[in-house]
Protein backbone atom coordinates (compact mmCIF):
# COMPACT_ATOMS: atom_id res chain seq x y z
CA MET A 1 -0.11 -0.05 0.11
CA ARG A 2 2.72 2.25 0.54
CA LYS A 3 4.18 1.85 -3.05
CA LEU A 4 0.87 2.82 -4.28
CA THR A 5 0.79 5.99 -2.20
CA ILE A 6 4.01 7.07 -3.30
CA CYS A 7 3.08 6.52 -7.06
CA ALA A 8 0.00 8.75 -6.37
CA LEU A 9 1.73 11.39 -4.85
CA ILE A 10 4.64 11.80 -7.55
CA THR A 11 1.73 11.52 -10.10
CA SER A 12 -0.13 14.50 -8.32
CA ILE A 13 2.78 16.39 -8.25
CA PHE A 14 3.54 16.01 -11.95
CA THR A 15 -0.32 16.84 -12.47
CA PHE A 16 -0.09 19.85 -10.44
CA SER A 17 3.42 21.19 -12.29
CA VAL A 18 2.09 20.77 -15.66
CA ILE A 19 -1.26 22.59 -15.03
CA THR A 20 0.81 25.68 -13.75
CA LYS A 21 2.48 25.88 -16.86
CA ALA A 22 -0.81 26.64 -18.71
CA LEU A 23 -0.71 28.48 -21.95
CA PRO A 24 -0.85 32.06 -21.75
CA GLU A 25 -3.97 33.89 -22.12
CA ASN A 26 -3.05 35.57 -25.76
CA ASP A 27 -2.04 32.21 -27.07
CA LYS A 28 -5.34 30.40 -26.47
CA GLU A 29 -6.82 31.96 -29.06
CA LYS A 30 -4.82 29.91 -31.42
CA TYR A 31 -6.51 26.71 -30.72
CA SER A 32 -9.61 24.84 -31.00
CA PHE A 33 -10.03 22.92 -27.77
CA VAL A 34 -11.74 19.95 -29.31
CA ARG A 35 -10.50 16.57 -30.31
CA THR A 36 -11.26 15.55 -33.64
CA GLU A 37 -11.31 12.05 -35.66
CA LYS A 38 -8.37 9.90 -35.55
CA THR A 39 -7.23 11.04 -32.23
CA LEU A 40 -5.67 8.82 -29.66
CA ALA A 41 -4.84 9.54 -26.08
CA ILE A 42 -3.35 8.03 -22.85
CA TYR A 43 -4.88 8.88 -19.58
CA PRO A 44 -2.81 8.43 -16.43
CA PHE A 45 -5.02 8.84 -13.41
CA ILE A 46 -5.49 8.62 -9.47
CA GLY A 47 -8.53 8.52 -8.03
CA SER A 48 -10.43 6.50 -5.19
CA TYR A 49 -13.00 3.48 -5.27
CA LEU A 50 -15.59 3.80 -2.73
CA PHE A 51 -17.79 0.88 -1.63
CA GLU A 52 -21.03 0.55 -0.56
CA GLY A 53 -21.47 0.14 3.52
CA ASN A 54 -22.96 -3.33 3.11
CA GLN A 55 -19.94 -4.78 1.54
CA GLU A 56 -17.08 -5.85 3.89
CA ILE A 57 -14.82 -4.14 1.75
CA ASP A 58 -13.01 -0.84 2.48
CA SER A 59 -12.74 2.10 0.45
CA ASN A 60 -8.92 2.96 -1.04
CA ALA A 61 -6.88 4.59 -3.58
CA ILE A 62 -6.21 3.52 -6.90
CA ILE A 63 -3.93 4.36 -9.73
CA GLY A 64 -4.47 3.61 -13.25
CA LEU A 65 -3.87 4.24 -17.09
CA GLY A 66 -6.46 4.67 -19.82
CA GLY A 67 -6.13 4.54 -23.62
CA GLU A 68 -8.82 6.48 -25.66
CA TYR A 69 -9.57 6.93 -29.53
CA TRP A 70 -11.54 9.63 -30.71
CA PHE A 71 -14.12 8.57 -33.74
CA ASN A 72 -15.00 12.32 -34.22
CA LYS A 73 -15.27 15.56 -32.10
CA HIS A 74 -18.27 13.90 -29.81
CA TRP A 75 -17.76 10.43 -29.72
CA SER A 76 -14.70 8.36 -28.12
CA ASN A 77 -14.32 5.07 -26.45
CA LEU A 78 -11.72 4.58 -23.50
CA LEU A 79 -10.18 1.45 -22.00
CA SER A 80 -8.74 1.85 -18.73
CA PHE A 81 -6.88 -0.30 -16.16
CA ALA A 82 -6.61 0.42 -12.67
CA TYR A 83 -4.81 -1.08 -9.52
CA GLY A 84 -5.54 -0.63 -5.80
CA GLU A 85 -5.22 -2.45 -2.55
CA PHE A 86 -8.43 -2.99 -0.85
CA ASP A 87 -8.82 -4.34 2.92
CA SER A 88 -11.53 -7.19 2.58
CA GLY A 89 -13.11 -9.56 5.45
CA LYS A 90 -13.62 -13.22 6.00
CA TYR A 91 -15.81 -14.56 8.62
CA TYR A 92 -14.22 -16.91 10.86
CA PRO A 93 -16.77 -19.06 13.16
CA PHE A 94 -14.49 -19.88 15.77
CA LEU A 95 -13.57 -16.61 16.63
CA SER A 96 -17.02 -15.42 15.86
CA THR A 97 -15.40 -11.95 14.09
CA SER A 98 -14.37 -11.13 10.83
CA VAL A 99 -11.14 -10.64 9.90
CA LYS A 100 -10.01 -8.19 7.33
CA ASP A 101 -6.52 -8.67 4.87
CA SER A 102 -5.08 -6.50 2.40
CA SER A 103 -5.87 -7.85 -1.09
CA ASP A 104 -4.43 -6.75 -4.55
CA SER A 105 -7.51 -5.47 -6.51
CA TYR A 106 -7.78 -4.89 -10.46
CA LEU A 107 -10.50 -2.62 -12.26
CA LEU A 108 -10.64 -3.15 -15.89
CA HIS A 109 -13.53 -1.38 -17.78
CA TYR A 110 -14.48 -0.43 -21.18
CA ASP A 111 -16.71 3.04 -21.99
CA ILE A 112 -18.03 5.16 -24.61
CA LEU A 113 -17.89 8.44 -23.97
CA TYR A 114 -19.70 11.68 -25.58
CA HIS A 115 -18.06 14.88 -25.41
CA PHE A 116 -20.03 18.38 -25.63
CA THR A 117 -18.40 21.60 -27.44
CA PRO A 118 -18.69 24.54 -25.36
CA ASN A 119 -21.49 26.53 -27.65
CA GLU A 120 -23.36 22.85 -27.54
CA PHE A 121 -23.18 22.79 -23.93
CA MET A 122 -23.78 26.58 -22.86
CA PRO A 123 -25.07 28.33 -26.10
CA ASN A 124 -24.39 32.49 -26.81
CA ASN A 125 -20.69 31.61 -26.05
CA SER A 126 -21.02 32.15 -22.37
CA TRP A 127 -19.04 28.88 -21.53
CA PRO A 128 -15.13 28.86 -21.45
CA ASP A 129 -13.39 27.24 -24.73
CA GLN A 130 -10.92 25.39 -22.49
CA LEU A 131 -13.68 23.45 -20.60
CA ILE A 132 -15.18 20.51 -22.76
CA PRO A 133 -17.64 18.27 -20.40
CA TYR A 134 -18.64 14.75 -21.15
CA VAL A 135 -21.00 11.93 -20.34
CA SER A 136 -20.12 8.56 -20.39
CA LEU A 137 -21.61 4.67 -20.38
CA GLY A 138 -19.49 1.44 -20.20
CA LEU A 139 -18.90 -2.11 -18.77
CA GLY A 140 -16.32 -3.39 -16.30
CA LEU A 141 -14.59 -6.09 -13.83
CA LEU A 142 -13.40 -5.79 -10.56
CA VAL A 143 -11.16 -8.04 -9.52
CA ILE A 144 -10.40 -8.65 -5.83
CA ASP A 145 -7.16 -11.23 -5.37
CA HIS A 146 -7.91 -12.70 -2.04
CA ASP A 147 -7.90 -16.33 -0.98
CA PHE A 148 -10.53 -16.14 1.63
CA MET A 149 -13.34 -14.59 -0.34
CA ILE A 150 -16.11 -16.76 -2.07
CA ASP A 151 -16.58 -14.24 -4.98
CA ASN A 152 -13.57 -12.49 -6.26
CA ASP A 153 -14.79 -11.04 -9.57
CA TYR A 154 -17.48 -8.49 -9.77
CA PRO A 155 -19.06 -7.60 -13.36
CA LEU A 156 -19.98 -4.18 -13.53
CA VAL A 157 -21.81 -1.48 -15.31
CA ASN A 158 -21.16 2.12 -14.81
CA TYR A 159 -22.25 5.55 -16.10
CA GLY A 160 -21.16 8.82 -15.06
CA SER A 161 -19.70 12.19 -16.32
CA GLY A 162 -16.69 14.41 -16.26
CA PHE A 163 -14.89 17.16 -17.62
CA ASP A 164 -11.53 17.89 -19.45
CA TRP A 165 -9.85 21.37 -19.05
CA PHE A 166 -7.28 22.08 -21.79
CA ILE A 167 -4.02 23.01 -20.92
CA THR A 168 -2.55 22.87 -24.11
CA LYS A 169 -4.00 22.17 -27.41
CA ASN A 170 -3.09 18.58 -26.82
CA ILE A 171 -3.19 18.10 -22.89
CA SER A 172 -6.03 18.41 -20.69
CA PHE A 173 -6.80 18.01 -17.18
CA ARG A 174 -9.41 15.56 -16.18
CA ALA A 175 -11.91 14.72 -13.59
CA ASP A 176 -14.40 11.79 -13.83
CA LEU A 177 -17.08 10.35 -11.50
CA ARG A 178 -18.83 7.15 -12.19
CA HIS A 179 -21.40 5.19 -10.62
CA MET A 180 -20.25 1.72 -10.76
CA ILE A 181 -23.20 -0.91 -10.51
CA SER A 182 -22.12 -4.77 -9.65
CA ILE A 183 -24.45 -6.94 -12.03
CA ASP A 184 -24.36 -9.74 -9.59
CA ASP A 185 -25.69 -8.54 -6.55
CA CYS A 186 -26.34 -4.80 -7.38
CA ASN A 187 -24.38 -2.89 -5.13
CA ASN A 188 -23.52 0.84 -5.79
CA ASN A 189 -19.99 1.94 -5.46
CA LEU A 190 -18.16 4.77 -6.88
CA ASN A 191 -15.04 5.55 -8.84
CA LEU A 192 -13.66 9.15 -8.43
CA THR A 193 -10.54 9.85 -10.71
CA CYS A 194 -8.58 12.55 -11.94
CA GLY A 195 -5.31 12.89 -14.11
CA LEU A 196 -3.89 14.23 -17.36
CA VAL A 197 -5.08 13.10 -21.12
CA TYR A 198 -2.08 13.31 -23.52
CA SER A 199 -3.39 13.17 -27.29
CA TRP A 200 -1.89 12.74 -30.64
CA ASP A 201 -3.84 13.60 -33.82
CA PHE A 202 -3.17 10.80 -36.42
CA LYS A 203 -5.20 12.47 -39.41
CA LYS A 204 -3.07 12.95 -42.51
CA PRO A 205 -2.66 16.61 -43.07
CA LYS A 206 -4.55 17.71 -46.23
CA LYS A 207 -2.97 19.55 -48.59
CA ILE A 208 -3.81 23.40 -48.57
CA ASP A 209 -4.91 25.33 -51.34
CA LYS A 210 -3.91 28.70 -50.43
CA GLY A 211 -7.21 29.64 -52.51
CA LYS A 212 -9.28 27.92 -50.24
CA LEU A 213 -7.58 29.07 -47.06
CA ASP A 214 -10.32 29.56 -44.10
CA ASP A 215 -8.24 31.06 -41.09
CA ASP A 216 -11.35 31.38 -38.96
CA ASN A 217 -13.16 27.93 -39.82
CA ASP A 218 -16.48 29.35 -40.42
CA GLY A 219 -16.94 27.60 -43.76
CA VAL A 220 -15.99 30.69 -45.87
CA ILE A 221 -12.85 30.91 -47.67
CA ASN A 222 -10.66 34.15 -47.01
CA GLU A 223 -11.00 35.37 -50.26
CA LEU A 224 -14.73 35.80 -49.87
CA ASP A 225 -14.68 36.40 -45.68
CA GLN A 226 -15.33 39.77 -44.72
CA CYS A 227 -15.13 38.81 -41.04
CA ARG A 228 -11.98 36.70 -40.81
CA SER A 229 -12.17 36.52 -37.08
CA THR A 230 -15.39 35.18 -36.22
CA PRO A 231 -15.47 32.48 -33.19
CA LEU A 232 -15.49 29.13 -33.66
CA ASN A 233 -18.75 27.48 -34.09
CA VAL A 234 -20.82 30.63 -34.83
CA LYS A 235 -23.50 30.56 -37.83
CA VAL A 236 -22.32 33.02 -40.54
CA ASP A 237 -23.74 34.34 -43.82
CA LYS A 238 -22.24 33.88 -46.83
CA CYS A 239 -20.04 36.81 -46.64
CA GLY A 240 -18.61 35.04 -43.25
CA CYS A 241 -20.00 37.45 -41.27
CA ALA A 242 -22.12 36.48 -37.98
CA PRO A 243 -25.85 38.03 -38.63
CA ASP A 244 -26.98 41.23 -36.91
CA ASN A 245 -31.16 40.32 -37.14
CA ASP A 246 -31.88 43.54 -35.05
CA CYS A 247 -29.59 45.78 -37.06
CA ASP A 248 -28.10 47.19 -33.94
CA GLY A 249 -24.41 46.69 -34.84
CA ILE A 250 -23.90 43.82 -32.31
CA LYS A 251 -23.51 40.43 -34.04
CA ASP A 252 -26.19 37.95 -32.83
CA TYR A 253 -23.83 36.11 -30.76
CA GLN A 254 -22.95 38.51 -28.95
CA ASP A 255 -26.12 40.54 -28.05
CA LYS A 256 -27.86 39.84 -25.06
CA CYS A 257 -31.06 41.75 -26.23
CA LEU A 258 -31.47 39.97 -29.33
CA GLY A 259 -34.86 40.52 -31.23
CA TYR A 260 -35.40 43.66 -29.21
CA PRO A 261 -36.23 46.36 -31.49
CA THR A 262 -33.14 48.39 -30.78
CA SER A 263 -32.07 49.55 -34.23
CA GLN A 264 -33.37 53.33 -33.97
CA HIS A 265 -31.92 53.34 -30.61
CA ILE A 266 -28.19 53.68 -29.43
CA VAL A 267 -27.13 50.76 -27.75
CA ASP A 268 -24.21 49.36 -25.38
CA LYS A 269 -21.64 46.79 -26.39
CA THR A 270 -23.89 43.97 -25.25
CA GLY A 271 -26.46 44.85 -27.77
CA CYS A 272 -29.13 46.33 -25.19
CA PRO A 273 -30.52 49.88 -25.18
CA LYS A 274 -27.93 52.03 -23.40
CA ASP A 275 -28.51 53.37 -19.84
CA SER A 276 -26.01 55.77 -19.40
CA ASP A 277 -26.95 56.51 -15.55
CA SER A 278 -27.74 52.90 -14.84
CA ASP A 279 -30.85 53.63 -13.27
CA GLY A 280 -32.64 50.81 -15.03
CA VAL A 281 -34.17 53.14 -17.62
CA ALA A 282 -32.93 53.13 -21.24
CA ASP A 283 -31.72 56.44 -22.66
CA PHE A 284 -34.22 56.59 -25.22
CA GLU A 285 -37.15 56.38 -22.18
CA ASP A 286 -35.00 58.41 -19.84
CA ASN A 287 -36.31 61.87 -19.10
CA CYS A 288 -33.37 62.61 -16.84
CA PRO A 289 -30.47 60.47 -18.52
CA PHE A 290 -27.98 61.56 -15.78
CA THR A 291 -29.36 60.72 -12.52
CA ALA A 292 -26.75 60.29 -10.02
CA SER A 293 -26.47 56.87 -8.60
CA GLY A 294 -28.22 55.69 -5.58
CA PHE A 295 -31.70 57.39 -6.37
CA SER A 296 -34.78 55.68 -6.99
CA VAL A 297 -36.47 56.64 -10.04
CA ASP A 298 -39.96 56.60 -11.57
CA LYS A 299 -40.83 54.76 -14.87
CA MET A 300 -39.59 57.97 -17.11
CA GLY A 301 -36.12 57.45 -15.28
CA CYS A 302 -36.50 60.55 -13.22
CA PRO A 303 -35.90 60.80 -9.44
CA ALA A 304 -38.07 62.13 -6.92
CA ASP A 305 -38.78 66.00 -5.84
CA THR A 306 -39.25 65.50 -2.25
CA ASP A 307 -39.55 69.46 -0.93
CA GLN A 308 -41.39 69.84 -4.51
CA ASP A 309 -38.86 72.77 -5.29
CA GLY A 310 -38.41 71.97 -8.88
CA ILE A 311 -34.94 70.79 -8.07
CA LEU A 312 -34.85 66.76 -8.28
CA ASP A 313 -33.49 64.96 -5.14
CA ASP A 314 -30.37 63.74 -6.90
CA LYS A 315 -29.12 67.27 -7.96
CA ASP A 316 -30.92 68.92 -4.51
CA ILE A 317 -28.31 69.70 -1.68
CA CYS A 318 -30.93 71.36 0.59
CA SER A 319 -33.95 68.63 0.57
CA ASN A 320 -36.33 70.70 2.80
CA THR A 321 -36.50 73.95 1.08
CA PRO A 322 -40.18 75.31 0.99
CA ASN A 323 -41.44 75.30 -2.31
CA ASP A 324 -42.60 78.60 -2.64
CA MET A 325 -39.29 80.20 -2.00
CA LYS A 326 -36.75 81.54 -4.52
CA ILE A 327 -34.10 78.94 -4.85
CA ASP A 328 -31.04 78.34 -6.89
CA LYS A 329 -29.89 75.56 -9.02
CA HIS A 330 -28.75 73.25 -6.05
CA GLY A 331 -32.07 73.43 -4.48
CA CYS A 332 -31.19 75.83 -1.70
CA LEU A 333 -32.74 79.59 -0.68
CA VAL A 334 -31.16 82.06 -2.93
CA LYS A 335 -28.88 84.25 -0.52
CA PHE A 336 -30.76 87.30 1.18
CA ASN A 337 -28.54 90.12 -0.48
CA LYS A 338 -29.86 88.77 -3.86
CA LEU A 339 -33.59 88.91 -3.24
CA LYS A 340 -33.56 92.74 -3.68
CA ILE A 341 -36.50 93.23 -1.65
CA ASP A 342 -38.16 96.91 -1.69
CA PRO A 343 -39.88 98.18 1.29
CA LEU A 344 -43.28 97.57 1.70
CA SER A 345 -45.60 100.97 2.25
CA ILE A 346 -48.90 100.53 3.92
CA ASN A 347 -51.27 103.54 3.86
CA PHE A 348 -53.85 103.96 6.33
CA SER A 349 -57.39 106.00 6.57
CA LEU A 350 -57.47 109.06 8.62
CA ASP A 351 -57.16 108.29 12.18
CA SER A 352 -57.20 104.42 11.64
CA SER A 353 -54.70 101.78 12.50
CA GLU A 354 -56.63 99.12 10.77
CA ILE A 355 -54.62 97.46 8.00
CA PRO A 356 -56.24 97.60 4.60
CA LEU A 357 -57.01 93.93 3.39
CA LYS A 358 -55.18 94.98 0.13
CA TYR A 359 -51.77 94.35 1.51
CA TYR A 360 -52.31 91.08 3.27
CA GLY A 361 -50.31 89.01 0.14
CA GLN A 362 -47.26 91.41 0.40
CA MET A 363 -46.94 91.18 4.03
CA GLU A 364 -47.47 87.35 3.99
CA GLU A 365 -44.55 87.22 1.47
CA ILE A 366 -42.45 89.41 3.75
CA SER A 367 -43.58 87.00 6.42
CA LYS A 368 -41.99 83.94 4.51
CA ILE A 369 -38.59 85.63 4.28
CA LEU A 370 -38.44 86.47 8.35
CA LYS A 371 -39.18 82.60 8.75
CA TYR A 372 -37.15 81.14 6.30
CA TYR A 373 -34.12 83.32 6.58
CA PRO A 374 -32.74 83.32 10.20
CA GLN A 375 -30.84 86.17 10.12
CA THR A 376 -33.36 88.85 9.03
CA GLU A 377 -35.36 91.17 10.89
CA ALA A 378 -37.83 93.47 9.91
CA ARG A 379 -37.99 97.23 10.85
CA ILE A 380 -41.49 98.95 11.01
CA ASP A 381 -41.67 102.65 10.68
CA ALA A 382 -44.86 104.52 11.58
CA TYR A 383 -45.87 108.20 10.60
CA THR A 384 -49.14 110.16 10.31
CA ASP A 385 -50.31 113.54 8.97
CA ASP A 386 -50.16 116.64 10.85
CA ILE A 387 -53.89 116.91 11.47
CA GLY A 388 -54.37 116.94 15.60
CA PRO A 389 -51.88 117.34 18.26
CA SER A 390 -48.37 115.92 18.09
CA ASP A 391 -48.13 113.89 20.89
CA TYR A 392 -51.67 112.40 19.68
CA ASN A 393 -50.11 111.76 16.10
CA LEU A 394 -46.96 109.95 18.12
CA LYS A 395 -49.54 107.55 19.64
CA LEU A 396 -51.38 106.70 16.63
CA SER A 397 -48.41 105.86 14.57
CA GLU A 398 -47.13 103.61 17.68
CA GLN A 399 -50.48 102.02 17.44
CA ARG A 400 -50.55 101.57 13.43
CA ALA A 401 -46.67 100.05 14.15
CA GLN A 402 -48.02 97.65 16.95
CA LYS A 403 -50.97 96.50 14.74
CA VAL A 404 -48.64 95.53 11.87
CA LYS A 405 -46.48 93.70 14.39
CA SER A 406 -49.63 91.83 15.89
CA PHE A 407 -50.65 90.79 12.85
CA PHE A 408 -47.31 89.29 11.90
CA ILE A 409 -47.28 87.43 15.01
CA ASP A 410 -50.85 86.23 15.32
CA THR A 411 -51.22 85.57 11.56
CA PHE A 412 -47.81 83.84 10.38
CA GLY A 413 -46.38 82.93 14.00
CA LEU A 414 -43.41 85.37 13.81
CA ASN A 415 -41.00 85.63 16.58
CA PRO A 416 -41.72 89.15 18.08
CA VAL A 417 -37.80 89.57 18.48
CA LYS A 418 -37.67 89.74 14.53
CA LEU A 419 -39.70 92.74 14.46
CA LYS A 420 -38.72 96.17 15.54
CA VAL A 421 -41.29 99.06 15.88
CA ILE A 422 -40.02 102.53 15.50
CA PRO A 423 -43.17 105.46 15.95
CA HIS A 424 -42.33 108.69 14.30
CA GLY A 425 -45.33 110.58 14.68
CA GLU A 426 -46.07 113.49 12.17
CA SER A 427 -42.27 114.08 11.63
CA ASP A 428 -40.39 113.29 8.43
CA PRO A 429 -43.44 113.90 5.98
CA ILE A 430 -43.08 112.61 2.62
CA ALA A 431 -45.97 115.02 0.84
CA ASP A 432 -47.32 118.11 1.39
CA ASN A 433 -49.76 117.99 4.23
CA SER A 434 -51.84 120.69 2.98
CA THR A 435 -53.38 118.86 0.57
CA GLU A 436 -55.55 115.52 1.37
CA GLU A 437 -53.41 113.60 -1.21
CA GLY A 438 -50.50 114.49 0.36
CA ARG A 439 -51.81 113.80 3.94
CA GLN A 440 -52.85 110.45 2.62
CA LYS A 441 -49.10 109.48 1.53
CA ASN A 442 -47.88 110.72 4.96
CA ARG A 443 -50.17 108.37 6.90
CA ARG A 444 -47.95 105.28 6.38
CA VAL A 445 -46.10 102.19 7.69
CA ILE A 446 -42.96 101.45 6.28
CA ILE A 447 -41.82 97.83 6.62
CA THR A 448 -38.08 97.36 5.66
CA LEU A 449 -36.21 93.92 5.64
CA ALA A 450 -32.56 93.65 7.00
CA ASN A 451 -29.90 91.01 7.23
CA VAL A 452 -28.48 91.43 10.61
CA SER A 453 -26.85 88.94 13.38
CA PHE A 454 -28.70 88.36 16.81
């Protein structure tokens, strides 16, 4: 058993060393990793034979050699021979127990294999060219050389599957798993092997007619081939080019959106409608083709406008801006010094402090600025005409200013600290008090906004 283990170890090291010397990536395109007719190969392997639990035989390692011949690129037959040492038992009545002894064992089987080509196993050229899977079916014989066993020979039927991973044009790493069924007693065992397949192509080389060269093996000679680098096993037209049925500039074998009506739209390298901002909505349907990443969009490709200020969320730096205020391109309030707000002049009736209804709308706009610009203040200057005593007029102007201040506080909930009242009485007239028109202009309250620091 020690000799077998040493042989298996040497084979494993050799196998690993060959695998690590795989072809450079740019050399792989030179070869077709498919064995064809009249190809012969040898298959040195190591593995394990696993017995079913109801047999008094212990599973163990095996080592062997196989010979394989390809009829064509799909079908091959394999004859293999393996050796192992299995511990098998015999029942001794006088000991009332079973004693296991090491026995030389031999496994011979003949199999038919069907190999898939990459495009047949996985369409659309999405399977590695170097990986060739296969299925197998065969007959075999297991011989356990034990003097005490009644049945030394086990005829077998097996089936299984495996794969070849091509390292070079003629060398591949193979892994194989078989279900081994004993014909006599229907025991179910497993045979797992791996190793290297070395192959030689014995086909007579065909005389090359330079006028009929076909570099990409697509069935169209170079002289007529307008696409001389078509991948293997891709269907081409009479000009040697792969079809593009949806006319989007992407060949069918590369087109992941084949049949989608994209000919009138810009597509990406996979043949699908281009989606520049990767939001899941194609550019030709996207009303917002430059949405920043991380934002959910609607069916038109646009993110929400949470604060309804006209700036979409992905561009909105100030996400809670009121929607009835002036904002900049970033969704933030325009700076106060750029608003250019003129003072509001409110004219009053004779000897009255009631605010005329027509000024309510303008006062609401002022209240919004005072509310959303924390550094602003309103100065309320109140005046009267010169009819009546001056001390009475001073009190009247203060009543008018306080009336305006109370209106801001009670109606719009402004902070009283932001409202500064200054009564002037009949001083500082802006018109002639000798006429009714002039006196009307002098009965006024002026509201002026300023940017201050409290």
